[in-house]
Amino acid sequence: MSKGLNTKSRVTGDCQARFRERLEVRFLRPTRQYFLGLKGFTQKPVFDPSLLVYIRKRIDLNVFESLTDELMRKGLKINQAPKDDDDDEPTPSGGSGNKGKLQLDATVADAEIKFPTDLDLLSDSRVKTEDLIDHLCKELNISEKPRTYRKIARKEYLNVSKMKRKPDKVLRRGLRLQINYLKRDIRIINGLLDRGKTERVPFDKHQNKYFFVIQHVLEQQKSMFKNKSNSCEDRIVNIHQPHVRPIVRGKAKAKVEFGAKINVSLQGGFARIDRFDWNAYNEGCDLPMQIPGHI
């Protein structure tokens, strides 16, 4: 598994390096810089590769959809070949004829996250709260850190996670211990925040997000543990991407996929995402909306 991940990251890094190299070579030509309106030749890259991403984020969704519609309309018009008179099929009176072939399908854009289990989710949340405690102690100049039992909690987690078959009693005991460790860490964080002499919270926006997400995860896990259930409303399956939801697909390979569900239409070689949602939905309800957009 680690070899595959290292290979994937290495390939991704090579692709990014080749893109940057190609970008620098392309815009280091004097003719390209002249048409960009520069006053003189420069050896520095004309713009950063991430500039296109920033420009795309500034474009409004309605503007982006109008550009997509115009692009597809002109592309279909160019690709439309004239038909012979002998091959024309008779059209019904008052009809506009066949306007092409439209394919509709729904799929899930995989978020590439680790398969979520309650034990792993609680352990990841506990490790993150321990990092937050260390950060608070450093920011508040606290020399003696509160006791978190992180080594014992890690050992208890590994004892259960390494088991090939986990009996219900052993699994519930492991979940109960991780829930208690996480409750203790959150109580310590709240106590350290109360000890702060300044009104400024010593967390940045990412740490604040993690703290609120972890508290929500703890409430969900406590509720499921108490009710002996494996599901809850708006269940968080990853603390780093709390917006990801499980999508039931019913495939033989994986009955549940994790990512955004998209409804895609294909016409004349042009694909368009008609709906993008992190929650599950019935794609059949989008048919009246998809067909007029391609007529």
C-alpha atoms as a PDB file:
ATOM      1  CA  MET A   1       0.000   0.000   0.000  1.00  0.00           C
ATOM      2  CA  SER A   2       2.777   2.466   0.937  1.00  0.00           C
ATOM      3  CA  LYS A   3       4.661   1.635  -2.258  1.00  0.00           C
ATOM      4  CA  GLY A   4       1.559   2.420  -4.319  1.00  0.00           C
ATOM      5  CA  LEU A   5       1.022   5.723  -2.501  1.00  0.00           C
ATOM      6  CA  ASN A   6       4.661   6.720  -2.970  1.00  0.00           C
ATOM      7  CA  THR A   7       4.450   5.885  -6.656  1.00  0.00           C
ATOM      8  CA  LYS A   8       1.280   7.945  -7.054  1.00  0.00           C
ATOM      9  CA  SER A   9       2.768  10.965  -5.281  1.00  0.00           C
ATOM     10  CA  ARG A  10       5.965  10.660  -7.343  1.00  0.00           C
ATOM     11  CA  VAL A  11       3.998  10.553 -10.596  1.00  0.00           C
ATOM     12  CA  THR A  12       1.938  13.561  -9.503  1.00  0.00           C
ATOM     13  CA  GLY A  13       5.097  15.477  -8.656  1.00  0.00           C
ATOM     14  CA  ASP A  14       6.648  14.615 -12.021  1.00  0.00           C
ATOM     15  CA  CYS A  15       3.528  15.839 -13.854  1.00  0.00           C
ATOM     16  CA  GLN A  16       3.577  19.130 -11.949  1.00  0.00           C
ATOM     17  CA  ALA A  17       7.287  19.593 -12.657  1.00  0.00           C
ATOM     18  CA  ARG A  18       6.760  18.932 -16.381  1.00  0.00           C
ATOM     19  CA  PHE A  19       3.859  21.407 -16.439  1.00  0.00           C
ATOM     20  CA  ARG A  20       5.959  24.127 -14.803  1.00  0.00           C
ATOM     21  CA  GLU A  21       8.859  23.423 -17.168  1.00  0.00           C
ATOM     22  CA  ARG A  22       6.572  23.575 -20.204  1.00  0.00           C
ATOM     23  CA  LEU A  23       5.008  26.786 -18.925  1.00  0.00           C
ATOM     24  CA  GLU A  24       8.393  28.452 -18.472  1.00  0.00           C
ATOM     25  CA  VAL A  25       9.681  27.353 -21.903  1.00  0.00           C
ATOM     26  CA  ARG A  26       6.497  28.447 -23.656  1.00  0.00           C
ATOM     27  CA  PHE A  27       6.407  31.959 -22.215  1.00  0.00           C
ATOM     28  CA  LEU A  28      10.155  32.564 -22.330  1.00  0.00           C
ATOM     29  CA  ARG A  29       9.903  32.980 -26.094  1.00  0.00           C
ATOM     30  CA  PRO A  30      10.138  36.633 -27.188  1.00  0.00           C
ATOM     31  CA  THR A  31       7.167  36.335 -29.551  1.00  0.00           C
ATOM     32  CA  ARG A  32       4.868  35.100 -26.791  1.00  0.00           C
ATOM     33  CA  GLN A  33       5.926  37.906 -24.466  1.00  0.00           C
ATOM     34  CA  TYR A  34       5.448  40.472 -27.226  1.00  0.00           C
ATOM     35  CA  PHE A  35       1.841  39.449 -27.823  1.00  0.00           C
ATOM     36  CA  LEU A  36       1.205  39.552 -24.066  1.00  0.00           C
ATOM     37  CA  GLY A  37       1.998  43.275 -24.158  1.00  0.00           C
ATOM     38  CA  LEU A  38       5.239  43.267 -22.166  1.00  0.00           C
ATOM     39  CA  LYS A  39       7.546  46.230 -22.755  1.00  0.00           C
ATOM     40  CA  GLY A  40      10.745  44.184 -22.641  1.00  0.00           C
ATOM     41  CA  PHE A  41      11.993  40.608 -22.590  1.00  0.00           C
ATOM     42  CA  THR A  42      12.252  38.949 -19.182  1.00  0.00           C
ATOM     43  CA  GLN A  43      13.659  35.617 -18.049  1.00  0.00           C
ATOM     44  CA  LYS A  44      11.172  35.278 -15.204  1.00  0.00           C
ATOM     45  CA  PRO A  45       7.917  33.330 -15.667  1.00  0.00           C
ATOM     46  CA  VAL A  46       5.157  35.591 -16.889  1.00  0.00           C
ATOM     47  CA  PHE A  47       2.603  34.275 -14.388  1.00  0.00           C
ATOM     48  CA  ASP A  48       2.275  31.584 -11.761  1.00  0.00           C
ATOM     49  CA  PRO A  49       0.493  28.332 -12.782  1.00  0.00           C
ATOM     50  CA  SER A  50      -2.036  28.861  -9.976  1.00  0.00           C
ATOM     51  CA  LEU A  51      -3.186  32.155 -11.536  1.00  0.00           C
ATOM     52  CA  LEU A  52      -5.644  30.321 -13.785  1.00  0.00           C
ATOM     53  CA  VAL A  53      -7.166  28.658 -10.710  1.00  0.00           C
ATOM     54  CA  TYR A  54      -7.642  32.011  -8.978  1.00  0.00           C
ATOM     55  CA  ILE A  55      -9.270  33.477 -12.102  1.00  0.00           C
ATOM     56  CA  ARG A  56     -11.629  30.512 -12.333  1.00  0.00           C
ATOM     57  CA  LYS A  57     -12.666  30.940  -8.691  1.00  0.00           C
ATOM     58  CA  ARG A  58     -13.520  34.592  -9.323  1.00  0.00           C
ATOM     59  CA  ILE A  59     -15.876  33.708 -12.158  1.00  0.00           C
ATOM     60  CA  ASP A  60     -19.503  33.528 -11.093  1.00  0.00           C
ATOM     61  CA  LEU A  61     -21.288  30.193 -11.513  1.00  0.00           C
ATOM     62  CA  ASN A  62     -23.891  31.683 -13.862  1.00  0.00           C
ATOM     63  CA  VAL A  63     -21.173  33.205 -16.040  1.00  0.00           C
ATOM     64  CA  PHE A  64     -19.316  29.888 -16.135  1.00  0.00           C
ATOM     65  CA  GLU A  65     -22.507  28.046 -17.109  1.00  0.00           C
ATOM     66  CA  SER A  66     -23.211  30.557 -19.904  1.00  0.00           C
ATOM     67  CA  LEU A  67     -19.664  30.088 -21.248  1.00  0.00           C
ATOM     68  CA  THR A  68     -20.133  26.317 -21.167  1.00  0.00           C
ATOM     69  CA  ASP A  69     -23.440  26.562 -23.037  1.00  0.00           C
ATOM     70  CA  GLU A  70     -21.932  28.819 -25.701  1.00  0.00           C
ATOM     71  CA  LEU A  71     -18.923  26.525 -26.117  1.00  0.00           C
ATOM     72  CA  MET A  72     -21.105  23.438 -26.538  1.00  0.00           C
ATOM     73  CA  ARG A  73     -23.468  25.236 -28.916  1.00  0.00           C
ATOM     74  CA  LYS A  74     -20.654  26.343 -31.213  1.00  0.00           C
ATOM     75  CA  GLY A  75     -18.857  23.012 -30.947  1.00  0.00           C
ATOM     76  CA  LEU A  76     -21.970  21.057 -31.916  1.00  0.00           C
ATOM     77  CA  LYS A  77     -22.579  23.445 -34.795  1.00  0.00           C
ATOM     78  CA  ILE A  78     -19.044  22.897 -36.123  1.00  0.00           C
ATOM     79  CA  ASN A  79     -19.210  19.116 -35.742  1.00  0.00           C
ATOM     80  CA  GLN A  80     -22.602  18.869 -37.395  1.00  0.00           C
ATOM     81  CA  ALA A  81     -22.016  17.443 -40.853  1.00  0.00           C
ATOM     82  CA  PRO A  82     -24.456  18.080 -43.720  1.00  0.00           C
ATOM     83  CA  LYS A  83     -26.653  15.087 -44.501  1.00  0.00           C
ATOM     84  CA  ASP A  84     -27.478  13.732 -47.938  1.00  0.00           C
ATOM     85  CA  ASP A  85     -31.031  14.098 -49.161  1.00  0.00           C
ATOM     86  CA  ASP A  86     -31.325  10.325 -49.682  1.00  0.00           C
ATOM     87  CA  ASP A  87     -30.369   9.556 -46.067  1.00  0.00           C
ATOM     88  CA  ASP A  88     -32.801  11.992 -44.504  1.00  0.00           C
ATOM     89  CA  GLU A  89     -35.521  10.356 -42.492  1.00  0.00           C
ATOM     90  CA  PRO A  90     -39.035  11.717 -42.877  1.00  0.00           C
ATOM     91  CA  THR A  91     -39.893  14.059 -40.056  1.00  0.00           C
ATOM     92  CA  PRO A  92     -43.393  14.273 -38.672  1.00  0.00           C
ATOM     93  CA  SER A  93     -45.456  17.297 -39.560  1.00  0.00           C
ATOM     94  CA  GLY A  94     -44.609  20.232 -37.341  1.00  0.00           C
ATOM     95  CA  GLY A  95     -41.575  18.408 -35.862  1.00  0.00           C
ATOM     96  CA  SER A  96     -38.052  19.771 -35.706  1.00  0.00           C
ATOM     97  CA  GLY A  97     -36.331  16.459 -36.520  1.00  0.00           C
ATOM     98  CA  ASN A  98     -33.734  14.486 -34.629  1.00  0.00           C
ATOM     99  CA  LYS A  99     -31.265  16.782 -32.879  1.00  0.00           C
ATOM    100  CA  GLY A 100     -28.702  14.140 -31.924  1.00  0.00           C
ATOM    101  CA  LYS A 101     -28.023  11.615 -29.217  1.00  0.00           C
ATOM    102  CA  LEU A 102     -28.039  12.502 -25.537  1.00  0.00           C
ATOM    103  CA  GLN A 103     -26.522  10.173 -22.920  1.00  0.00           C
ATOM    104  CA  LEU A 104     -27.221  10.695 -19.224  1.00  0.00           C
ATOM    105  CA  ASP A 105     -25.511   9.010 -16.300  1.00  0.00           C
ATOM    106  CA  ALA A 106     -24.791   9.616 -12.639  1.00  0.00           C
ATOM    107  CA  THR A 107     -21.572   8.691 -10.892  1.00  0.00           C
ATOM    108  CA  VAL A 108     -19.507   9.564  -7.835  1.00  0.00           C
ATOM    109  CA  ALA A 109     -16.312  11.611  -7.922  1.00  0.00           C
ATOM    110  CA  ASP A 110     -14.204   9.661  -5.443  1.00  0.00           C
ATOM    111  CA  ALA A 111     -12.705  11.840  -2.706  1.00  0.00           C
ATOM    112  CA  GLU A 112      -9.792   9.378  -2.261  1.00  0.00           C
ATOM    113  CA  ILE A 113     -10.170   9.079   1.502  1.00  0.00           C
ATOM    114  CA  LYS A 114      -9.359   6.147   3.756  1.00  0.00           C
ATOM    115  CA  PHE A 115     -12.276   3.813   4.304  1.00  0.00           C
ATOM    116  CA  PRO A 116     -13.905   5.206   7.443  1.00  0.00           C
ATOM    117  CA  THR A 117     -14.430   3.147  10.557  1.00  0.00           C
ATOM    118  CA  ASP A 118     -15.590   4.460  13.914  1.00  0.00           C
ATOM    119  CA  LEU A 119     -12.389   3.342  15.638  1.00  0.00           C
ATOM    120  CA  ASP A 120     -10.085   4.994  13.084  1.00  0.00           C
ATOM    121  CA  LEU A 121     -12.156   8.180  13.060  1.00  0.00           C
ATOM    122  CA  LEU A 122     -11.985   8.480  16.847  1.00  0.00           C
ATOM    123  CA  SER A 123      -8.239   7.790  16.817  1.00  0.00           C
ATOM    124  CA  ASP A 124      -7.590  10.441  14.156  1.00  0.00           C
ATOM    125  CA  SER A 125      -9.672  12.939  16.118  1.00  0.00           C
ATOM    126  CA  ARG A 126      -7.764  12.131  19.305  1.00  0.00           C
ATOM    127  CA  VAL A 127      -4.389  12.627  17.609  1.00  0.00           C
ATOM    128  CA  LYS A 128      -5.545  15.966  16.218  1.00  0.00           C
ATOM    129  CA  THR A 129      -6.734  17.160  19.631  1.00  0.00           C
ATOM    130  CA  GLU A 130      -3.342  16.233  21.071  1.00  0.00           C
ATOM    131  CA  ASP A 131      -1.702  18.450  18.441  1.00  0.00           C
ATOM    132  CA  LEU A 132      -4.073  21.265  19.386  1.00  0.00           C
ATOM    133  CA  ILE A 133      -3.161  20.835  23.070  1.00  0.00           C
ATOM    134  CA  ASP A 134       0.554  21.062  22.234  1.00  0.00           C
ATOM    135  CA  HIS A 135      -0.102  24.214  20.191  1.00  0.00           C
ATOM    136  CA  LEU A 136      -2.063  25.823  23.052  1.00  0.00           C
ATOM    137  CA  CYS A 137       0.649  25.029  25.575  1.00  0.00           C
ATOM    138  CA  LYS A 138       3.223  26.648  23.316  1.00  0.00           C
ATOM    139  CA  GLU A 139       1.113  29.748  22.663  1.00  0.00           C
ATOM    140  CA  LEU A 140       0.165  30.201  26.334  1.00  0.00           C
ATOM    141  CA  ASN A 141       3.713  29.486  27.618  1.00  0.00           C
ATOM    142  CA  ILE A 142       2.613  26.510  29.710  1.00  0.00           C
ATOM    143  CA  SER A 143       5.636  24.421  30.661  1.00  0.00           C
ATOM    144  CA  GLU A 144       3.790  21.499  32.283  1.00  0.00           C
ATOM    145  CA  LYS A 145       1.460  19.980  29.724  1.00  0.00           C
ATOM    146  CA  PRO A 146      -1.793  18.394  30.940  1.00  0.00           C
ATOM    147  CA  ARG A 147      -1.808  14.621  31.154  1.00  0.00           C
ATOM    148  CA  THR A 148      -3.492  13.175  28.048  1.00  0.00           C
ATOM    149  CA  TYR A 149      -2.413   9.491  28.252  1.00  0.00           C
ATOM    150  CA  ARG A 150      -1.592   9.605  24.548  1.00  0.00           C
ATOM    151  CA  LYS A 151       0.779   6.628  24.642  1.00  0.00           C
ATOM    152  CA  ILE A 152      -1.746   4.458  26.460  1.00  0.00           C
ATOM    153  CA  ALA A 153      -4.529   5.582  24.103  1.00  0.00           C
ATOM    154  CA  ARG A 154      -2.361   4.763  21.087  1.00  0.00           C
ATOM    155  CA  LYS A 155      -1.575   1.323  22.492  1.00  0.00           C
ATOM    156  CA  GLU A 156      -5.253   0.606  23.170  1.00  0.00           C
ATOM    157  CA  TYR A 157      -6.124   1.633  19.617  1.00  0.00           C
ATOM    158  CA  LEU A 158      -3.452  -0.581  18.050  1.00  0.00           C
ATOM    159  CA  ASN A 159      -4.458  -3.585  20.143  1.00  0.00           C
ATOM    160  CA  VAL A 160      -7.922  -3.496  18.566  1.00  0.00           C
ATOM    161  CA  SER A 161      -7.099  -2.254  15.048  1.00  0.00           C
ATOM    162  CA  LYS A 162      -4.472  -4.967  14.441  1.00  0.00           C
ATOM    163  CA  MET A 163      -6.936  -7.750  15.140  1.00  0.00           C
ATOM    164  CA  LYS A 164      -8.039  -9.560  11.989  1.00  0.00           C
ATOM    165  CA  ARG A 165     -11.447 -10.330  13.465  1.00  0.00           C
ATOM    166  CA  LYS A 166     -12.820  -7.988  16.070  1.00  0.00           C
ATOM    167  CA  PRO A 167     -15.459  -9.453  18.408  1.00  0.00           C
ATOM    168  CA  ASP A 168     -18.291  -7.115  19.299  1.00  0.00           C
ATOM    169  CA  LYS A 169     -17.286  -6.890  22.960  1.00  0.00           C
ATOM    170  CA  VAL A 170     -13.679  -6.047  22.118  1.00  0.00           C
ATOM    171  CA  LEU A 171     -14.717  -3.481  19.511  1.00  0.00           C
ATOM    172  CA  ARG A 172     -17.201  -1.764  21.812  1.00  0.00           C
ATOM    173  CA  ARG A 173     -14.608  -1.626  24.579  1.00  0.00           C
ATOM    174  CA  GLY A 174     -12.120  -0.034  22.186  1.00  0.00           C
ATOM    175  CA  LEU A 175     -14.703   2.514  21.022  1.00  0.00           C
ATOM    176  CA  ARG A 176     -15.630   3.359  24.609  1.00  0.00           C
ATOM    177  CA  LEU A 177     -11.992   3.958  25.531  1.00  0.00           C
ATOM    178  CA  GLN A 178     -11.328   6.164  22.502  1.00  0.00           C
ATOM    179  CA  ILE A 179     -14.502   8.168  23.193  1.00  0.00           C
ATOM    180  CA  ASN A 180     -13.376   8.744  26.796  1.00  0.00           C
ATOM    181  CA  TYR A 181      -9.869   9.780  25.712  1.00  0.00           C
ATOM    182  CA  LEU A 182     -11.325  12.193  23.180  1.00  0.00           C
ATOM    183  CA  LYS A 183     -13.740  13.648  25.751  1.00  0.00           C
ATOM    184  CA  ARG A 184     -10.809  14.211  28.100  1.00  0.00           C
ATOM    185  CA  ASP A 185      -8.751  15.985  25.406  1.00  0.00           C
ATOM    186  CA  ILE A 186     -11.637  18.295  24.462  1.00  0.00           C
ATOM    187  CA  ARG A 187     -12.191  19.116  28.145  1.00  0.00           C
ATOM    188  CA  ILE A 188      -8.476  19.983  28.439  1.00  0.00           C
ATOM    189  CA  ILE A 189      -8.642  22.251  25.374  1.00  0.00           C
ATOM    190  CA  ASN A 190     -11.644  24.116  26.764  1.00  0.00           C
ATOM    191  CA  GLY A 191      -9.812  24.530  30.082  1.00  0.00           C
ATOM    192  CA  LEU A 192      -6.715  25.907  28.348  1.00  0.00           C
ATOM    193  CA  LEU A 193      -8.824  28.332  26.331  1.00  0.00           C
ATOM    194  CA  ASP A 194     -10.417  29.578  29.552  1.00  0.00           C
ATOM    195  CA  ARG A 195      -6.963  30.177  31.032  1.00  0.00           C
ATOM    196  CA  GLY A 196      -6.006  32.501  28.189  1.00  0.00           C
ATOM    197  CA  LYS A 197      -5.542  36.058  29.421  1.00  0.00           C
ATOM    198  CA  THR A 198      -6.233  37.626  26.024  1.00  0.00           C
ATOM    199  CA  GLU A 199      -9.539  37.632  24.199  1.00  0.00           C
ATOM    200  CA  ARG A 200      -7.873  36.359  21.022  1.00  0.00           C
ATOM    201  CA  VAL A 201      -8.314  32.633  20.473  1.00  0.00           C
ATOM    202  CA  PRO A 202      -4.841  31.159  19.768  1.00  0.00           C
ATOM    203  CA  PHE A 203      -6.166  29.080  16.857  1.00  0.00           C
ATOM    204  CA  ASP A 204      -6.007  29.894  13.176  1.00  0.00           C
ATOM    205  CA  LYS A 205      -8.972  29.207  10.904  1.00  0.00           C
ATOM    206  CA  HIS A 206      -7.856  25.660  10.088  1.00  0.00           C
ATOM    207  CA  GLN A 207      -7.350  24.729  13.732  1.00  0.00           C
ATOM    208  CA  ASN A 208     -10.698  26.288  14.618  1.00  0.00           C
ATOM    209  CA  LYS A 209     -12.350  24.192  11.909  1.00  0.00           C
ATOM    210  CA  TYR A 210     -10.710  21.002  13.201  1.00  0.00           C
ATOM    211  CA  PHE A 211     -11.807  21.760  16.763  1.00  0.00           C
ATOM    212  CA  PHE A 212     -15.466  22.259  15.822  1.00  0.00           C
ATOM    213  CA  VAL A 213     -15.464  19.213  13.514  1.00  0.00           C
ATOM    214  CA  ILE A 214     -13.953  16.983  16.196  1.00  0.00           C
ATOM    215  CA  GLN A 215     -16.583  18.065  18.726  1.00  0.00           C
ATOM    216  CA  HIS A 216     -19.288  17.196  16.194  1.00  0.00           C
ATOM    217  CA  VAL A 217     -17.632  13.816  15.557  1.00  0.00           C
ATOM    218  CA  LEU A 218     -17.604  13.114  19.288  1.00  0.00           C
ATOM    219  CA  GLU A 219     -21.318  13.864  19.612  1.00  0.00           C
ATOM    220  CA  GLN A 220     -22.146  11.597  16.666  1.00  0.00           C
ATOM    221  CA  GLN A 221     -19.993   8.753  17.946  1.00  0.00           C
ATOM    222  CA  LYS A 222     -21.444   9.004  21.465  1.00  0.00           C
ATOM    223  CA  SER A 223     -24.960   8.878  20.050  1.00  0.00           C
ATOM    224  CA  MET A 224     -24.236   5.863  17.823  1.00  0.00           C
ATOM    225  CA  PHE A 225     -22.404   4.051  20.647  1.00  0.00           C
ATOM    226  CA  LYS A 226     -25.306   4.617  23.037  1.00  0.00           C
ATOM    227  CA  ASN A 227     -27.948   3.523  20.520  1.00  0.00           C
ATOM    228  CA  LYS A 228     -25.793   0.670  19.143  1.00  0.00           C
ATOM    229  CA  SER A 229     -26.209   2.050  15.639  1.00  0.00           C
ATOM    230  CA  ASN A 230     -23.858   2.445  12.676  1.00  0.00           C
ATOM    231  CA  SER A 231     -25.511   5.439  11.022  1.00  0.00           C
ATOM    232  CA  CYS A 232     -26.664   8.926  11.860  1.00  0.00           C
ATOM    233  CA  GLU A 233     -27.799  12.040  10.054  1.00  0.00           C
ATOM    234  CA  ASP A 234     -25.042  13.950   8.201  1.00  0.00           C
ATOM    235  CA  ARG A 235     -22.425  11.546   9.470  1.00  0.00           C
ATOM    236  CA  ILE A 236     -18.829  12.793   9.246  1.00  0.00           C
ATOM    237  CA  VAL A 237     -16.522  10.167   7.743  1.00  0.00           C
ATOM    238  CA  ASN A 238     -13.302  12.198   7.572  1.00  0.00           C
ATOM    239  CA  ILE A 239     -12.157  15.022   9.852  1.00  0.00           C
ATOM    240  CA  HIS A 240     -10.025  16.562   7.087  1.00  0.00           C
ATOM    241  CA  GLN A 241     -12.961  16.643   4.640  1.00  0.00           C
ATOM    242  CA  PRO A 242     -16.077  16.838   6.831  1.00  0.00           C
ATOM    243  CA  HIS A 243     -18.275  17.686   3.821  1.00  0.00           C
ATOM    244  CA  VAL A 244     -17.793  14.210   2.291  1.00  0.00           C
ATOM    245  CA  ARG A 245     -20.806  11.939   2.653  1.00  0.00           C
ATOM    246  CA  PRO A 246     -21.257   8.213   1.937  1.00  0.00           C
ATOM    247  CA  ILE A 247     -23.076   7.519  -1.335  1.00  0.00           C
ATOM    248  CA  VAL A 248     -24.721   4.085  -1.630  1.00  0.00           C
ATOM    249  CA  ARG A 249     -23.992   2.700  -5.109  1.00  0.00           C
ATOM    250  CA  GLY A 250     -24.728  -1.015  -4.775  1.00  0.00           C
ATOM    251  CA  LYS A 251     -21.737  -2.142  -6.845  1.00  0.00           C
ATOM    252  CA  ALA A 252     -20.116  -5.512  -6.341  1.00  0.00           C
ATOM    253  CA  LYS A 253     -16.716  -3.883  -5.783  1.00  0.00           C
ATOM    254  CA  ALA A 254     -17.872  -1.276  -3.286  1.00  0.00           C
ATOM    255  CA  LYS A 255     -21.440  -0.902  -2.098  1.00  0.00           C
ATOM    256  CA  VAL A 256     -20.687   2.557  -0.696  1.00  0.00           C
ATOM    257  CA  GLU A 257     -18.518   5.256  -2.249  1.00  0.00           C
ATOM    258  CA  PHE A 258     -17.309   8.460  -0.643  1.00  0.00           C
ATOM    259  CA  GLY A 259     -17.335  11.674  -2.631  1.00  0.00           C
ATOM    260  CA  ALA A 260     -19.562  14.052  -4.554  1.00  0.00           C
ATOM    261  CA  LYS A 261     -22.392  12.681  -6.658  1.00  0.00           C
ATOM    262  CA  ILE A 262     -22.521  14.195 -10.141  1.00  0.00           C
ATOM    263  CA  ASN A 263     -25.057  13.916 -12.926  1.00  0.00           C
ATOM    264  CA  VAL A 264     -23.327  14.070 -16.322  1.00  0.00           C
ATOM    265  CA  SER A 265     -24.800  14.468 -19.803  1.00  0.00           C
ATOM    266  CA  LEU A 266     -22.914  13.674 -23.014  1.00  0.00           C
ATOM    267  CA  GLN A 267     -23.907  15.072 -26.408  1.00  0.00           C
ATOM    268  CA  GLY A 268     -21.757  15.062 -29.529  1.00  0.00           C
ATOM    269  CA  GLY A 269     -18.596  14.356 -27.558  1.00  0.00           C
ATOM    270  CA  PHE A 270     -19.207  17.250 -25.140  1.00  0.00           C
ATOM    271  CA  ALA A 271     -19.692  16.293 -21.487  1.00  0.00           C
ATOM    272  CA  ARG A 272     -21.436  18.575 -19.025  1.00  0.00           C
ATOM    273  CA  ILE A 273     -21.973  18.279 -15.269  1.00  0.00           C
ATOM    274  CA  ASP A 274     -25.625  19.189 -14.744  1.00  0.00           C
ATOM    275  CA  ARG A 275     -25.692  18.612 -10.997  1.00  0.00           C
ATOM    276  CA  PHE A 276     -23.030  18.418  -8.303  1.00  0.00           C
ATOM    277  CA  ASP A 277     -23.971  17.562  -4.735  1.00  0.00           C
ATOM    278  CA  TRP A 278     -22.200  16.046  -1.743  1.00  0.00           C
ATOM    279  CA  ASN A 279     -25.440  14.470  -0.525  1.00  0.00           C
ATOM    280  CA  ALA A 280     -27.212  11.552  -2.174  1.00  0.00           C
ATOM    281  CA  TYR A 281     -30.128  12.363  -4.497  1.00  0.00           C
ATOM    282  CA  ASN A 282     -32.318  10.710  -7.121  1.00  0.00           C
ATOM    283  CA  GLU A 283     -30.834  11.505 -10.525  1.00  0.00           C
ATOM    284  CA  GLY A 284     -34.105  10.631 -12.254  1.00  0.00           C
ATOM    285  CA  CYS A 285     -35.589  13.917 -11.053  1.00  0.00           C
ATOM    286  CA  ASP A 286     -33.028  15.855 -13.115  1.00  0.00           C
ATOM    287  CA  LEU A 287     -34.292  14.590 -16.494  1.00  0.00           C
ATOM    288  CA  PRO A 288     -36.762  17.469 -17.118  1.00  0.00           C
ATOM    289  CA  MET A 289     -33.947  19.905 -16.343  1.00  0.00           C
ATOM    290  CA  GLN A 290     -31.287  18.218 -18.500  1.00  0.00           C
ATOM    291  CA  ILE A 291     -33.227  17.773 -21.741  1.00  0.00           C
ATOM    292  CA  PRO A 292     -34.144  21.458 -22.375  1.00  0.00           C
ATOM    293  CA  GLY A 293     -30.501  22.439 -21.900  1.00  0.00           C
ATOM    294  CA  HIS A 294     -29.475  20.376 -24.924  1.00  0.00           C
ATOM    295  CA  ILE A 295     -32.327  21.263 -27.260  1.00  0.00           C
END
